[in-house]
Amino acid sequence: MKMTLTGTDTAPPRSPAGLNAIHHVGISVSDLERSVGWYERALGMVRWMDETFEGGRTAGLMRPGTMLYLGITQHDECGDEDFSPRRRGLDHLTFAAGSREELKEWQSHLIDLGVECSALREYVEPIPFALFTFTDPDGVALEAMHIGA
């Protein structure tokens, strides 16, 4: 796979200040409690809020000591189609690791829990980075990545 660094010579379009991070990502699931339990065990997240709305319910999850938040939502009317990164919407969600060693620890942790993970892939171009992929119980494509030497 060849990757190239793009956009380094052009100024960004004019826009208001802020929007310097993603606050949270919402993921639709088939079984709210199963998925909440998986994200708690697999990623060390804790449930900090619950919301019931017309047509479903959501659990807010966070990873203590970080700014990582997820919304896990079960809709009353959810299609039977499996997750696919090739369908319009979410392709995948990537979590940042602080170092290559941390990335390898996360991969080992998930494998120990029985989560199927890809091999660790390391790149040097266009910048040094490493990553591995895995999925949640509904097959949502997830990735853990470290950028840097």
Protein backbone atom coordinates (compact mmCIF):
# COMPACT_ATOMS: atom_id res chain seq x y z
CA MET A 1 0.00 0.00 0.00
CA LYS A 2 1.41 3.40 -0.99
CA MET A 3 0.45 6.45 1.06
CA THR A 4 1.30 10.06 0.40
CA LEU A 5 1.14 13.10 2.63
CA THR A 6 -1.25 15.63 1.09
CA GLY A 7 -2.47 19.16 1.75
CA THR A 8 0.77 20.50 3.23
CA ASP A 9 1.12 23.40 0.77
CA THR A 10 -2.38 24.85 0.97
CA ALA A 11 -3.90 27.06 3.65
CA PRO A 12 -7.07 25.71 5.30
CA PRO A 13 -10.36 27.38 4.35
CA ARG A 14 -11.44 30.24 6.59
CA SER A 15 -13.61 29.07 9.50
CA PRO A 16 -14.44 29.98 13.12
CA ALA A 17 -12.05 29.03 15.95
CA GLY A 18 -12.51 25.80 17.87
CA LEU A 19 -13.49 22.30 16.78
CA ASN A 20 -10.05 21.06 17.78
CA ALA A 21 -11.08 17.51 18.68
CA ILE A 22 -13.90 15.02 18.25
CA HIS A 23 -16.00 14.97 21.42
CA HIS A 24 -17.59 11.56 20.93
CA VAL A 25 -18.68 9.07 18.32
CA GLY A 26 -22.08 7.38 18.36
CA ILE A 27 -22.24 3.71 17.38
CA SER A 28 -25.52 1.90 16.67
CA VAL A 29 -25.59 -1.64 18.07
CA SER A 30 -27.98 -4.59 18.09
CA ASP A 31 -27.76 -5.30 21.86
CA LEU A 32 -26.99 -2.33 24.12
CA GLU A 33 -26.02 -4.26 27.26
CA ARG A 34 -23.81 -6.73 25.39
CA SER A 35 -21.98 -3.90 23.67
CA VAL A 36 -21.61 -1.79 26.83
CA GLY A 37 -20.11 -4.83 28.59
CA TRP A 38 -17.72 -5.44 25.70
CA TYR A 39 -16.48 -1.82 25.57
CA GLU A 40 -16.04 -1.88 29.37
CA ARG A 41 -14.00 -5.10 29.32
CA ALA A 42 -12.12 -4.56 26.08
CA LEU A 43 -11.33 -0.83 26.29
CA GLY A 44 -11.62 -0.09 30.03
CA MET A 45 -14.55 2.29 29.51
CA VAL A 46 -17.16 3.13 32.16
CA ARG A 47 -20.81 3.97 31.75
CA TRP A 48 -21.48 7.53 32.82
CA MET A 49 -24.96 8.19 31.45
CA ASP A 50 -28.11 6.55 30.14
CA GLU A 51 -30.74 8.10 27.91
CA THR A 52 -34.05 6.75 26.71
CA PHE A 53 -35.58 8.45 23.69
CA GLU A 54 -38.49 7.74 21.39
CA GLY A 55 -37.26 4.82 19.31
CA GLY A 56 -34.36 3.61 21.43
CA ARG A 57 -31.85 4.12 24.19
CA THR A 58 -28.24 5.20 24.53
CA ALA A 59 -25.46 4.58 27.04
CA GLY A 60 -22.67 7.13 27.32
CA LEU A 61 -19.25 5.57 27.88
CA MET A 62 -15.95 7.20 28.75
CA ARG A 63 -12.41 6.08 29.42
CA PRO A 64 -11.43 7.52 32.83
CA GLY A 65 -8.54 9.98 32.77
CA THR A 66 -8.98 10.70 29.05
CA MET A 67 -11.22 12.71 26.78
CA LEU A 68 -12.44 9.55 24.99
CA TYR A 69 -16.25 9.30 24.92
CA LEU A 70 -18.54 6.94 22.98
CA GLY A 71 -22.30 6.85 22.64
CA ILE A 72 -23.64 3.32 22.24
CA THR A 73 -27.21 3.32 20.89
CA GLN A 74 -29.75 0.56 20.40
CA HIS A 75 -32.62 1.59 18.12
CA ASP A 76 -35.97 -0.17 18.49
CA GLU A 77 -36.13 -0.53 14.74
CA CYS A 78 -32.72 -1.68 13.61
CA GLY A 79 -32.17 -3.38 10.28
CA ASP A 80 -30.77 -6.90 10.16
CA GLU A 81 -27.83 -5.83 7.98
CA ASP A 82 -24.36 -6.37 9.40
CA PHE A 83 -21.96 -3.46 9.72
CA SER A 84 -20.01 -2.74 6.55
CA PRO A 85 -17.31 -0.11 6.03
CA ARG A 86 -18.35 -0.09 2.37
CA ARG A 87 -21.81 1.30 3.13
CA ARG A 88 -22.39 5.04 3.54
CA GLY A 89 -21.72 6.13 7.13
CA LEU A 90 -18.97 5.06 9.51
CA ASP A 91 -16.04 3.32 7.81
CA HIS A 92 -14.04 2.71 10.99
CA LEU A 93 -13.11 4.34 14.30
CA THR A 94 -9.45 4.66 15.32
CA PHE A 95 -8.17 4.95 18.89
CA ALA A 96 -4.82 6.69 19.52
CA ALA A 97 -2.06 4.93 21.44
CA GLY A 98 0.67 6.98 23.13
CA SER A 99 3.55 4.76 21.99
CA ARG A 100 4.32 1.62 19.99
CA GLU A 101 4.75 -0.25 23.28
CA GLU A 102 1.31 0.90 24.43
CA LEU A 103 -0.12 -0.16 21.06
CA LYS A 104 1.38 -3.65 21.47
CA GLU A 105 0.01 -3.85 25.04
CA TRP A 106 -3.49 -3.03 23.77
CA GLN A 107 -3.22 -5.67 21.07
CA SER A 108 -2.13 -8.30 23.65
CA HIS A 109 -4.91 -7.23 26.04
CA LEU A 110 -7.59 -7.61 23.36
CA ILE A 111 -6.23 -10.95 22.16
CA ASP A 112 -6.22 -12.19 25.79
CA LEU A 113 -9.94 -11.28 25.92
CA GLY A 114 -10.59 -13.35 22.79
CA VAL A 115 -10.93 -10.36 20.44
CA GLU A 116 -9.61 -11.21 16.98
CA CYS A 117 -6.98 -8.63 15.99
CA SER A 118 -5.00 -8.13 12.80
CA ALA A 119 -1.23 -8.31 12.81
CA LEU A 120 0.54 -5.12 13.84
CA ARG A 121 1.33 -3.19 10.65
CA GLU A 122 4.19 -0.70 10.70
CA TYR A 123 4.86 2.04 8.14
CA VAL A 124 7.61 4.62 7.62
CA GLU A 125 6.09 6.63 4.73
CA PRO A 126 4.61 9.20 4.51
CA ILE A 127 5.20 9.39 8.29
CA PRO A 128 6.15 6.66 10.78
CA PHE A 129 3.09 4.93 12.27
CA ALA A 130 1.82 1.53 13.36
CA LEU A 131 -1.69 0.10 13.72
CA PHE A 132 -3.82 -2.99 14.16
CA THR A 133 -7.51 -3.56 13.49
CA PHE A 134 -10.30 -5.38 15.36
CA THR A 135 -14.12 -5.31 15.59
CA ASP A 136 -16.74 -4.93 18.30
CA PRO A 137 -19.53 -7.52 18.84
CA ASP A 138 -21.59 -6.03 15.98
CA GLY A 139 -18.64 -6.10 13.60
CA VAL A 140 -18.01 -2.33 13.75
CA ALA A 141 -14.52 -1.79 12.34
CA LEU A 142 -12.12 -0.47 15.00
CA GLU A 143 -8.42 0.33 14.87
CA ALA A 144 -5.68 1.28 17.32
CA MET A 145 -2.84 3.43 16.00
CA HIS A 146 0.35 5.15 17.11
CA ILE A 147 1.89 7.92 15.02
CA GLY A 148 5.59 8.63 15.46
CA ALA A 149 8.93 6.89 15.71
